[in-house]
Amino acid sequence: IISNITESEEIRSDRLLEVLQENLS
């Protein structure tokens, strides 16, 4: 279960956005 549909949701997941916010300058 890895496709452009599932991964588009994964990129905007709360988990990844939280890490992104912490890593921005």
mmCIF file of all heavy atoms, coordinates in Angstrom:
data_MODEL
# 
_entry.id   MODEL 
# 
loop_
_atom_site.group_PDB 
_atom_site.id 
_atom_site.type_symbol 
_atom_site.label_atom_id 
_atom_site.label_alt_id 
_atom_site.label_comp_id 
_atom_site.label_asym_id 
_atom_site.label_entity_id 
_atom_site.label_seq_id 
_atom_site.pdbx_PDB_ins_code 
_atom_site.Cartn_x 
_atom_site.Cartn_y 
_atom_site.Cartn_z 
_atom_site.occupancy 
_atom_site.B_iso_or_equiv 
_atom_site.pdbx_formal_charge 
_atom_site.auth_seq_id 
_atom_site.auth_comp_id 
_atom_site.auth_asym_id 
_atom_site.auth_atom_id 
_atom_site.pdbx_PDB_model_num 
ATOM 1   N N   . ILE A 1 1  ? 0.839  -1.212 0.000  1.00 0.00 ? 1  ILE A N   1 
ATOM 2   C CA  . ILE A 1 1  ? 0.000  0.000  0.000  1.00 0.00 ? 1  ILE A CA  1 
ATOM 3   C C   . ILE A 1 1  ? 0.865  1.249  0.000  1.00 0.00 ? 1  ILE A C   1 
ATOM 4   O O   . ILE A 1 1  ? 1.004  1.952  1.000  1.00 0.00 ? 1  ILE A O   1 
ATOM 5   C CB  . ILE A 1 1  ? -0.956 -0.006 1.199  1.00 0.00 ? 1  ILE A CB  1 
ATOM 6   C CG1 . ILE A 1 1  ? -1.796 -1.277 1.195  1.00 0.00 ? 1  ILE A CG1 1 
ATOM 7   C CG2 . ILE A 1 1  ? -1.894 1.206  1.153  1.00 0.00 ? 1  ILE A CG2 1 
ATOM 8   C CD1 . ILE A 1 1  ? -2.691 -1.442 2.390  1.00 0.00 ? 1  ILE A CD1 1 
ATOM 9   N N   . ILE A 1 2  ? 1.478  1.502  -1.139 1.00 0.00 ? 2  ILE A N   1 
ATOM 10  C CA  . ILE A 1 2  ? 2.246  2.733  -1.357 1.00 0.00 ? 2  ILE A CA  1 
ATOM 11  C C   . ILE A 1 2  ? 1.887  3.223  -2.750 1.00 0.00 ? 2  ILE A C   1 
ATOM 12  O O   . ILE A 1 2  ? 2.170  2.560  -3.741 1.00 0.00 ? 2  ILE A O   1 
ATOM 13  C CB  . ILE A 1 2  ? 3.762  2.489  -1.252 1.00 0.00 ? 2  ILE A CB  1 
ATOM 14  C CG1 . ILE A 1 2  ? 4.139  2.085  0.176  1.00 0.00 ? 2  ILE A CG1 1 
ATOM 15  C CG2 . ILE A 1 2  ? 4.539  3.732  -1.660 1.00 0.00 ? 2  ILE A CG2 1 
ATOM 16  C CD1 . ILE A 1 2  ? 5.581  1.684  0.333  1.00 0.00 ? 2  ILE A CD1 1 
ATOM 17  N N   . SER A 1 3  ? 1.227  4.365  -2.835 1.00 0.00 ? 3  SER A N   1 
ATOM 18  C CA  . SER A 1 3  ? 0.826  4.925  -4.122 1.00 0.00 ? 3  SER A CA  1 
ATOM 19  C C   . SER A 1 3  ? 0.820  6.439  -4.015 1.00 0.00 ? 3  SER A C   1 
ATOM 20  O O   . SER A 1 3  ? 1.006  7.005  -2.931 1.00 0.00 ? 3  SER A O   1 
ATOM 21  C CB  . SER A 1 3  ? -0.566 4.429  -4.520 1.00 0.00 ? 3  SER A CB  1 
ATOM 22  O OG  . SER A 1 3  ? -1.540 4.947  -3.633 1.00 0.00 ? 3  SER A OG  1 
ATOM 23  N N   . ASN A 1 4  ? 0.618  7.121  -5.146 1.00 0.00 ? 4  ASN A N   1 
ATOM 24  C CA  . ASN A 1 4  ? 0.594  8.582  -5.092 1.00 0.00 ? 4  ASN A CA  1 
ATOM 25  C C   . ASN A 1 4  ? -0.596 9.095  -4.279 1.00 0.00 ? 4  ASN A C   1 
ATOM 26  O O   . ASN A 1 4  ? -0.550 10.201 -3.726 1.00 0.00 ? 4  ASN A O   1 
ATOM 27  C CB  . ASN A 1 4  ? 0.568  9.175  -6.505 1.00 0.00 ? 4  ASN A CB  1 
ATOM 28  C CG  . ASN A 1 4  ? -0.580 8.633  -7.339 1.00 0.00 ? 4  ASN A CG  1 
ATOM 29  O OD1 . ASN A 1 4  ? -1.285 7.707  -6.924 1.00 0.00 ? 4  ASN A OD1 1 
ATOM 30  N ND2 . ASN A 1 4  ? -0.770 9.188  -8.508 1.00 0.00 ? 4  ASN A ND2 1 
ATOM 31  N N   . ILE A 1 5  ? -1.666 8.290  -4.157 1.00 0.00 ? 5  ILE A N   1 
ATOM 32  C CA  . ILE A 1 5  ? -2.827 8.703  -3.365 1.00 0.00 ? 5  ILE A CA  1 
ATOM 33  C C   . ILE A 1 5  ? -2.520 8.604  -1.875 1.00 0.00 ? 5  ILE A C   1 
ATOM 34  O O   . ILE A 1 5  ? -2.728 9.550  -1.111 1.00 0.00 ? 5  ILE A O   1 
ATOM 35  C CB  . ILE A 1 5  ? -4.058 7.836  -3.711 1.00 0.00 ? 5  ILE A CB  1 
ATOM 36  C CG1 . ILE A 1 5  ? -4.358 7.900  -5.216 1.00 0.00 ? 5  ILE A CG1 1 
ATOM 37  C CG2 . ILE A 1 5  ? -5.255 8.289  -2.898 1.00 0.00 ? 5  ILE A CG2 1 
ATOM 38  C CD1 . ILE A 1 5  ? -4.691 9.260  -5.726 1.00 0.00 ? 5  ILE A CD1 1 
ATOM 39  N N   . THR A 1 6  ? -2.020 7.441  -1.448 1.00 0.00 ? 6  THR A N   1 
ATOM 40  C CA  . THR A 1 6  ? -1.731 7.253  -0.026 1.00 0.00 ? 6  THR A CA  1 
ATOM 41  C C   . THR A 1 6  ? -0.624 8.189  0.441  1.00 0.00 ? 6  THR A C   1 
ATOM 42  O O   . THR A 1 6  ? -0.671 8.718  1.555  1.00 0.00 ? 6  THR A O   1 
ATOM 43  C CB  . THR A 1 6  ? -1.310 5.804  0.263  1.00 0.00 ? 6  THR A CB  1 
ATOM 44  O OG1 . THR A 1 6  ? -0.143 5.484  -0.506 1.00 0.00 ? 6  THR A OG1 1 
ATOM 45  C CG2 . THR A 1 6  ? -2.413 4.834  -0.108 1.00 0.00 ? 6  THR A CG2 1 
ATOM 46  N N   . GLU A 1 7  ? 0.366  8.423  -0.417 1.00 0.00 ? 7  GLU A N   1 
ATOM 47  C CA  . GLU A 1 7  ? 1.491  9.261  -0.010 1.00 0.00 ? 7  GLU A CA  1 
ATOM 48  C C   . GLU A 1 7  ? 1.135  10.749 -0.002 1.00 0.00 ? 7  GLU A C   1 
ATOM 49  O O   . GLU A 1 7  ? 1.727  11.530 0.731  1.00 0.00 ? 7  GLU A O   1 
ATOM 50  C CB  . GLU A 1 7  ? 2.694  9.007  -0.919 1.00 0.00 ? 7  GLU A CB  1 
ATOM 51  C CG  . GLU A 1 7  ? 3.245  7.596  -0.807 1.00 0.00 ? 7  GLU A CG  1 
ATOM 52  C CD  . GLU A 1 7  ? 3.415  7.159  0.636  1.00 0.00 ? 7  GLU A CD  1 
ATOM 53  O OE1 . GLU A 1 7  ? 4.110  7.854  1.403  1.00 0.00 ? 7  GLU A OE1 1 
ATOM 54  O OE2 . GLU A 1 7  ? 2.840  6.119  1.018  1.00 0.00 ? 7  GLU A OE2 1 
ATOM 55  N N   . SER A 1 8  ? 0.190  11.168 -0.808 1.00 0.00 ? 8  SER A N   1 
ATOM 56  C CA  . SER A 1 8  ? -0.254 12.566 -0.758 1.00 0.00 ? 8  SER A CA  1 
ATOM 57  C C   . SER A 1 8  ? -0.883 12.872 0.597  1.00 0.00 ? 8  SER A C   1 
ATOM 58  O O   . SER A 1 8  ? -0.752 13.970 1.130  1.00 0.00 ? 8  SER A O   1 
ATOM 59  C CB  . SER A 1 8  ? -1.257 12.847 -1.886 1.00 0.00 ? 8  SER A CB  1 
ATOM 60  O OG  . SER A 1 8  ? -2.434 12.094 -1.704 1.00 0.00 ? 8  SER A OG  1 
ATOM 61  N N   . GLU A 1 9  ? -1.575 11.884 1.169  1.00 0.00 ? 9  GLU A N   1 
ATOM 62  C CA  . GLU A 1 9  ? -2.146 12.041 2.508  1.00 0.00 ? 9  GLU A CA  1 
ATOM 63  C C   . GLU A 1 9  ? -1.052 11.988 3.576  1.00 0.00 ? 9  GLU A C   1 
ATOM 64  O O   . GLU A 1 9  ? -1.111 12.707 4.578  1.00 0.00 ? 9  GLU A O   1 
ATOM 65  C CB  . GLU A 1 9  ? -3.178 10.939 2.757  1.00 0.00 ? 9  GLU A CB  1 
ATOM 66  C CG  . GLU A 1 9  ? -4.376 10.989 1.817  1.00 0.00 ? 9  GLU A CG  1 
ATOM 67  C CD  . GLU A 1 9  ? -5.297 9.798  1.982  1.00 0.00 ? 9  GLU A CD  1 
ATOM 68  O OE1 . GLU A 1 9  ? -4.940 8.900  2.774  1.00 0.00 ? 9  GLU A OE1 1 
ATOM 69  O OE2 . GLU A 1 9  ? -6.348 9.769  1.329  1.00 0.00 ? 9  GLU A OE2 1 
ATOM 70  N N   . GLU A 1 10 ? -0.042 11.162 3.351  1.00 0.00 ? 10 GLU A N   1 
ATOM 71  C CA  . GLU A 1 10 ? 1.040  11.006 4.320  1.00 0.00 ? 10 GLU A CA  1 
ATOM 72  C C   . GLU A 1 10 ? 1.860  12.286 4.445  1.00 0.00 ? 10 GLU A C   1 
ATOM 73  O O   . GLU A 1 10 ? 2.287  12.663 5.531  1.00 0.00 ? 10 GLU A O   1 
ATOM 74  C CB  . GLU A 1 10 ? 1.937  9.839  3.902  1.00 0.00 ? 10 GLU A CB  1 
ATOM 75  C CG  . GLU A 1 10 ? 2.958  9.437  4.947  1.00 0.00 ? 10 GLU A CG  1 
ATOM 76  C CD  . GLU A 1 10 ? 2.323  8.923  6.223  1.00 0.00 ? 10 GLU A CD  1 
ATOM 77  O OE1 . GLU A 1 10 ? 1.269  8.254  6.140  1.00 0.00 ? 10 GLU A OE1 1 
ATOM 78  O OE2 . GLU A 1 10 ? 2.871  9.195  7.303  1.00 0.00 ? 10 GLU A OE2 1 
ATOM 79  N N   . ILE A 1 11 ? 2.090  12.980 3.320  1.00 0.00 ? 11 ILE A N   1 
ATOM 80  C CA  . ILE A 1 11 ? 2.895  14.206 3.335  1.00 0.00 ? 11 ILE A CA  1 
ATOM 81  C C   . ILE A 1 11 ? 2.239  15.280 4.199  1.00 0.00 ? 11 ILE A C   1 
ATOM 82  O O   . ILE A 1 11 ? 2.915  16.044 4.885  1.00 0.00 ? 11 ILE A O   1 
ATOM 83  C CB  . ILE A 1 11 ? 3.112  14.718 1.897  1.00 0.00 ? 11 ILE A CB  1 
ATOM 84  C CG1 . ILE A 1 11 ? 4.064  13.783 1.150  1.00 0.00 ? 11 ILE A CG1 1 
ATOM 85  C CG2 . ILE A 1 11 ? 3.685  16.137 1.895  1.00 0.00 ? 11 ILE A CG2 1 
ATOM 86  C CD1 . ILE A 1 11 ? 4.273  14.134 -0.297 1.00 0.00 ? 11 ILE A CD1 1 
ATOM 87  N N   . ARG A 1 12 ? 0.920  15.323 4.191  1.00 0.00 ? 12 ARG A N   1 
ATOM 88  C CA  . ARG A 1 12 ? 0.199  16.331 4.973  1.00 0.00 ? 12 ARG A CA  1 
ATOM 89  C C   . ARG A 1 12 ? -0.288 15.792 6.316  1.00 0.00 ? 12 ARG A C   1 
ATOM 90  O O   . ARG A 1 12 ? -1.135 16.399 6.965  1.00 0.00 ? 12 ARG A O   1 
ATOM 91  C CB  . ARG A 1 12 ? -0.989 16.861 4.171  1.00 0.00 ? 12 ARG A CB  1 
ATOM 92  C CG  . ARG A 1 12 ? -0.591 17.765 3.007  1.00 0.00 ? 12 ARG A CG  1 
ATOM 93  C CD  . ARG A 1 12 ? -1.824 18.230 2.237  1.00 0.00 ? 12 ARG A CD  1 
ATOM 94  N NE  . ARG A 1 12 ? -2.776 18.888 3.091  1.00 0.00 ? 12 ARG A NE  1 
ATOM 95  C CZ  . ARG A 1 12 ? -2.738 20.174 3.432  1.00 0.00 ? 12 ARG A CZ  1 
ATOM 96  N NH1 . ARG A 1 12 ? -1.771 20.939 2.954  1.00 0.00 ? 12 ARG A NH1 1 
ATOM 97  N NH2 . ARG A 1 12 ? -3.641 20.696 4.215  1.00 0.00 ? 12 ARG A NH2 1 
ATOM 98  N N   . SER A 1 13 ? 0.254  14.678 6.744  1.00 0.00 ? 13 SER A N   1 
ATOM 99  C CA  . SER A 1 13 ? -0.162 14.081 8.021  1.00 0.00 ? 13 SER A CA  1 
ATOM 100 C C   . SER A 1 13 ? 0.302  14.952 9.188  1.00 0.00 ? 13 SER A C   1 
ATOM 101 O O   . SER A 1 13 ? 1.314  15.663 9.105  1.00 0.00 ? 13 SER A O   1 
ATOM 102 C CB  . SER A 1 13 ? 0.406  12.669 8.162  1.00 0.00 ? 13 SER A CB  1 
ATOM 103 O OG  . SER A 1 13 ? 1.821  12.705 8.235  1.00 0.00 ? 13 SER A OG  1 
ATOM 104 N N   . ASP A 1 14 ? -0.433 14.893 10.296 1.00 0.00 ? 14 ASP A N   1 
ATOM 105 C CA  . ASP A 1 14 ? -0.091 15.668 11.485 1.00 0.00 ? 14 ASP A CA  1 
ATOM 106 C C   . ASP A 1 14 ? 1.310  15.316 11.989 1.00 0.00 ? 14 ASP A C   1 
ATOM 107 O O   . ASP A 1 14 ? 2.056  16.187 12.446 1.00 0.00 ? 14 ASP A O   1 
ATOM 108 C CB  . ASP A 1 14 ? -1.120 15.416 12.590 1.00 0.00 ? 14 ASP A CB  1 
ATOM 109 C CG  . ASP A 1 14 ? -2.483 15.978 12.243 1.00 0.00 ? 14 ASP A CG  1 
ATOM 110 O OD1 . ASP A 1 14 ? -2.537 16.914 11.420 1.00 0.00 ? 14 ASP A OD1 1 
ATOM 111 O OD2 . ASP A 1 14 ? -3.490 15.496 12.774 1.00 0.00 ? 14 ASP A OD2 1 
ATOM 112 N N   . ARG A 1 15 ? 1.633  14.057 11.898 1.00 0.00 ? 15 ARG A N   1 
ATOM 113 C CA  . ARG A 1 15 ? 2.941  13.583 12.377 1.00 0.00 ? 15 ARG A CA  1 
ATOM 114 C C   . ARG A 1 15 ? 4.084  14.256 11.622 1.00 0.00 ? 15 ARG A C   1 
ATOM 115 O O   . ARG A 1 15 ? 5.034  14.758 12.234 1.00 0.00 ? 15 ARG A O   1 
ATOM 116 C CB  . ARG A 1 15 ? 3.015  12.061 12.200 1.00 0.00 ? 15 ARG A CB  1 
ATOM 117 C CG  . ARG A 1 15 ? 4.345  11.427 12.551 1.00 0.00 ? 15 ARG A CG  1 
ATOM 118 C CD  . ARG A 1 15 ? 4.275  9.935  12.297 1.00 0.00 ? 15 ARG A CD  1 
ATOM 119 N NE  . ARG A 1 15 ? 3.943  9.635  10.920 1.00 0.00 ? 15 ARG A NE  1 
ATOM 120 C CZ  . ARG A 1 15 ? 4.854  9.611  9.944  1.00 0.00 ? 15 ARG A CZ  1 
ATOM 121 N NH1 . ARG A 1 15 ? 6.116  9.863  10.199 1.00 0.00 ? 15 ARG A NH1 1 
ATOM 122 N NH2 . ARG A 1 15 ? 4.492  9.313  8.709  1.00 0.00 ? 15 ARG A NH2 1 
ATOM 123 N N   . LEU A 1 16 ? 3.997  14.301 10.305 1.00 0.00 ? 16 LEU A N   1 
ATOM 124 C CA  . LEU A 1 16 ? 5.081  14.876 9.508  1.00 0.00 ? 16 LEU A CA  1 
ATOM 125 C C   . LEU A 1 16 ? 5.106  16.396 9.600  1.00 0.00 ? 16 LEU A C   1 
ATOM 126 O O   . LEU A 1 16 ? 6.184  17.007 9.646  1.00 0.00 ? 16 LEU A O   1 
ATOM 127 C CB  . LEU A 1 16 ? 4.923  14.443 8.045  1.00 0.00 ? 16 LEU A CB  1 
ATOM 128 C CG  . LEU A 1 16 ? 6.182  14.546 7.172  1.00 0.00 ? 16 LEU A CG  1 
ATOM 129 C CD1 . LEU A 1 16 ? 7.304  13.688 7.732  1.00 0.00 ? 16 LEU A CD1 1 
ATOM 130 C CD2 . LEU A 1 16 ? 5.880  14.139 5.736  1.00 0.00 ? 16 LEU A CD2 1 
ATOM 131 N N   . LEU A 1 17 ? 3.940  17.020 9.659  1.00 0.00 ? 17 LEU A N   1 
ATOM 132 C CA  . LEU A 1 17 ? 3.893  18.481 9.768  1.00 0.00 ? 17 LEU A CA  1 
ATOM 133 C C   . LEU A 1 17 ? 4.456  18.963 11.097 1.00 0.00 ? 17 LEU A C   1 
ATOM 134 O O   . LEU A 1 17 ? 5.067  20.031 11.176 1.00 0.00 ? 17 LEU A O   1 
ATOM 135 C CB  . LEU A 1 17 ? 2.447  18.968 9.602  1.00 0.00 ? 17 LEU A CB  1 
ATOM 136 C CG  . LEU A 1 17 ? 1.849  18.831 8.205  1.00 0.00 ? 17 LEU A CG  1 
ATOM 137 C CD1 . LEU A 1 17 ? 0.409  19.323 8.186  1.00 0.00 ? 17 LEU A CD1 1 
ATOM 138 C CD2 . LEU A 1 17 ? 2.665  19.601 7.169  1.00 0.00 ? 17 LEU A CD2 1 
ATOM 139 N N   . GLU A 1 18 ? 4.261  18.182 12.132 1.00 0.00 ? 18 GLU A N   1 
ATOM 140 C CA  . GLU A 1 18 ? 4.809  18.539 13.449 1.00 0.00 ? 18 GLU A CA  1 
ATOM 141 C C   . GLU A 1 18 ? 6.340  18.532 13.409 1.00 0.00 ? 18 GLU A C   1 
ATOM 142 O O   . GLU A 1 18 ? 6.986  19.439 13.935 1.00 0.00 ? 18 GLU A O   1 
ATOM 143 C CB  . GLU A 1 18 ? 4.295  17.559 14.494 1.00 0.00 ? 18 GLU A CB  1 
ATOM 144 C CG  . GLU A 1 18 ? 4.739  17.889 15.911 1.00 0.00 ? 18 GLU A CG  1 
ATOM 145 C CD  . GLU A 1 18 ? 4.163  16.942 16.947 1.00 0.00 ? 18 GLU A CD  1 
ATOM 146 O OE1 . GLU A 1 18 ? 3.245  16.174 16.610 1.00 0.00 ? 18 GLU A OE1 1 
ATOM 147 O OE2 . GLU A 1 18 ? 4.639  16.970 18.091 1.00 0.00 ? 18 GLU A OE2 1 
ATOM 148 N N   . VAL A 1 19 ? 6.911  17.519 12.777 1.00 0.00 ? 19 VAL A N   1 
ATOM 149 C CA  . VAL A 1 19 ? 8.372  17.440 12.652 1.00 0.00 ? 19 VAL A CA  1 
ATOM 150 C C   . VAL A 1 19 ? 8.884  18.561 11.760 1.00 0.00 ? 19 VAL A C   1 
ATOM 151 O O   . VAL A 1 19 ? 9.938  19.155 12.028 1.00 0.00 ? 19 VAL A O   1 
ATOM 152 C CB  . VAL A 1 19 ? 8.788  16.064 12.073 1.00 0.00 ? 19 VAL A CB  1 
ATOM 153 C CG1 . VAL A 1 19 ? 10.303 15.992 11.923 1.00 0.00 ? 19 VAL A CG1 1 
ATOM 154 C CG2 . VAL A 1 19 ? 8.304  14.940 12.971 1.00 0.00 ? 19 VAL A CG2 1 
ATOM 155 N N   . LEU A 1 20 ? 8.146  18.868 10.696 1.00 0.00 ? 20 LEU A N   1 
ATOM 156 C CA  . LEU A 1 20 ? 8.531  19.952 9.792  1.00 0.00 ? 20 LEU A CA  1 
ATOM 157 C C   . LEU A 1 20 ? 8.595  21.279 10.532 1.00 0.00 ? 20 LEU A C   1 
ATOM 158 O O   . LEU A 1 20 ? 9.564  22.042 10.381 1.00 0.00 ? 20 LEU A O   1 
ATOM 159 C CB  . LEU A 1 20 ? 7.537  20.042 8.631  1.00 0.00 ? 20 LEU A CB  1 
ATOM 160 C CG  . LEU A 1 20 ? 7.674  21.241 7.693  1.00 0.00 ? 20 LEU A CG  1 
ATOM 161 C CD1 . LEU A 1 20 ? 9.029  21.229 6.989  1.00 0.00 ? 20 LEU A CD1 1 
ATOM 162 C CD2 . LEU A 1 20 ? 6.543  21.263 6.667  1.00 0.00 ? 20 LEU A CD2 1 
ATOM 163 N N   . GLN A 1 21 ? 7.589  21.566 11.328 1.00 0.00 ? 21 GLN A N   1 
ATOM 164 C CA  . GLN A 1 21 ? 7.538  22.816 12.079 1.00 0.00 ? 21 GLN A CA  1 
ATOM 165 C C   . GLN A 1 21 ? 8.742  22.955 13.004 1.00 0.00 ? 21 GLN A C   1 
ATOM 166 O O   . GLN A 1 21 ? 9.301  24.043 13.152 1.00 0.00 ? 21 GLN A O   1 
ATOM 167 C CB  . GLN A 1 21 ? 6.234  22.879 12.877 1.00 0.00 ? 21 GLN A CB  1 
ATOM 168 C CG  . GLN A 1 21 ? 5.970  24.222 13.521 1.00 0.00 ? 21 GLN A CG  1 
ATOM 169 C CD  . GLN A 1 21 ? 4.619  24.255 14.212 1.00 0.00 ? 21 GLN A CD  1 
ATOM 170 O OE1 . GLN A 1 21 ? 4.028  23.218 14.517 1.00 0.00 ? 21 GLN A OE1 1 
ATOM 171 N NE2 . GLN A 1 21 ? 4.122  25.451 14.474 1.00 0.00 ? 21 GLN A NE2 1 
ATOM 172 N N   . GLU A 1 22 ? 9.169  21.861 13.583 1.00 0.00 ? 22 GLU A N   1 
ATOM 173 C CA  . GLU A 1 22 ? 10.313 21.881 14.496 1.00 0.00 ? 22 GLU A CA  1 
ATOM 174 C C   . GLU A 1 22 ? 11.637 22.080 13.766 1.00 0.00 ? 22 GLU A C   1 
ATOM 175 O O   . GLU A 1 22 ? 12.586 22.605 14.346 1.00 0.00 ? 22 GLU A O   1 
ATOM 176 C CB  . GLU A 1 22 ? 10.362 20.559 15.283 1.00 0.00 ? 22 GLU A CB  1 
ATOM 177 C CG  . GLU A 1 22 ? 9.198  20.361 16.236 1.00 0.00 ? 22 GLU A CG  1 
ATOM 178 C CD  . GLU A 1 22 ? 9.191  18.976 16.849 1.00 0.00 ? 22 GLU A CD  1 
ATOM 179 O OE1 . GLU A 1 22 ? 10.053 18.155 16.461 1.00 0.00 ? 22 GLU A OE1 1 
ATOM 180 O OE2 . GLU A 1 22 ? 8.331  18.713 17.718 1.00 0.00 ? 22 GLU A OE2 1 
ATOM 181 N N   . ASN A 1 23 ? 11.702 21.692 12.499 1.00 0.00 ? 23 ASN A N   1 
ATOM 182 C CA  . ASN A 1 23 ? 12.960 21.735 11.753 1.00 0.00 ? 23 ASN A CA  1 
ATOM 183 C C   . ASN A 1 23 ? 13.145 22.986 10.899 1.00 0.00 ? 23 ASN A C   1 
ATOM 184 O O   . ASN A 1 23 ? 14.205 23.157 10.290 1.00 0.00 ? 23 ASN A O   1 
ATOM 185 C CB  . ASN A 1 23 ? 13.072 20.498 10.852 1.00 0.00 ? 23 ASN A CB  1 
ATOM 186 C CG  . ASN A 1 23 ? 13.501 19.260 11.615 1.00 0.00 ? 23 ASN A CG  1 
ATOM 187 O OD1 . ASN A 1 23 ? 14.678 18.969 11.748 1.00 0.00 ? 23 ASN A OD1 1 
ATOM 188 N ND2 . ASN A 1 23 ? 12.526 18.533 12.141 1.00 0.00 ? 23 ASN A ND2 1 
ATOM 189 N N   . LEU A 1 24 ? 12.141 23.848 10.833 1.00 0.00 ? 24 LEU A N   1 
ATOM 190 C CA  . LEU A 1 24 ? 12.282 25.088 10.073 1.00 0.00 ? 24 LEU A CA  1 
ATOM 191 C C   . LEU A 1 24 ? 13.091 26.113 10.862 1.00 0.00 ? 24 LEU A C   1 
ATOM 192 O O   . LEU A 1 24 ? 13.027 26.151 12.085 1.00 0.00 ? 24 LEU A O   1 
ATOM 193 C CB  . LEU A 1 24 ? 10.897 25.655 9.729  1.00 0.00 ? 24 LEU A CB  1 
ATOM 194 C CG  . LEU A 1 24 ? 10.056 24.841 8.740  1.00 0.00 ? 24 LEU A CG  1 
ATOM 195 C CD1 . LEU A 1 24 ? 8.662  25.441 8.605  1.00 0.00 ? 24 LEU A CD1 1 
ATOM 196 C CD2 . LEU A 1 24 ? 10.736 24.764 7.373  1.00 0.00 ? 24 LEU A CD2 1 
ATOM 197 N N   . SER A 1 25 ? 13.806 26.966 10.137 1.00 0.00 ? 25 SER A N   1 
ATOM 198 C CA  . SER A 1 25 ? 14.660 27.962 10.793 1.00 0.00 ? 25 SER A CA  1 
ATOM 199 C C   . SER A 1 25 ? 13.889 29.209 11.200 1.00 0.00 ? 25 SER A C   1 
ATOM 200 O O   . SER A 1 25 ? 14.445 30.103 11.820 1.00 0.00 ? 25 SER A O   1 
ATOM 201 C CB  . SER A 1 25 ? 15.809 28.358 9.862  1.00 0.00 ? 25 SER A CB  1 
ATOM 202 O OG  . SER A 1 25 ? 15.315 28.982 8.691  1.00 0.00 ? 25 SER A OG  1 
# 
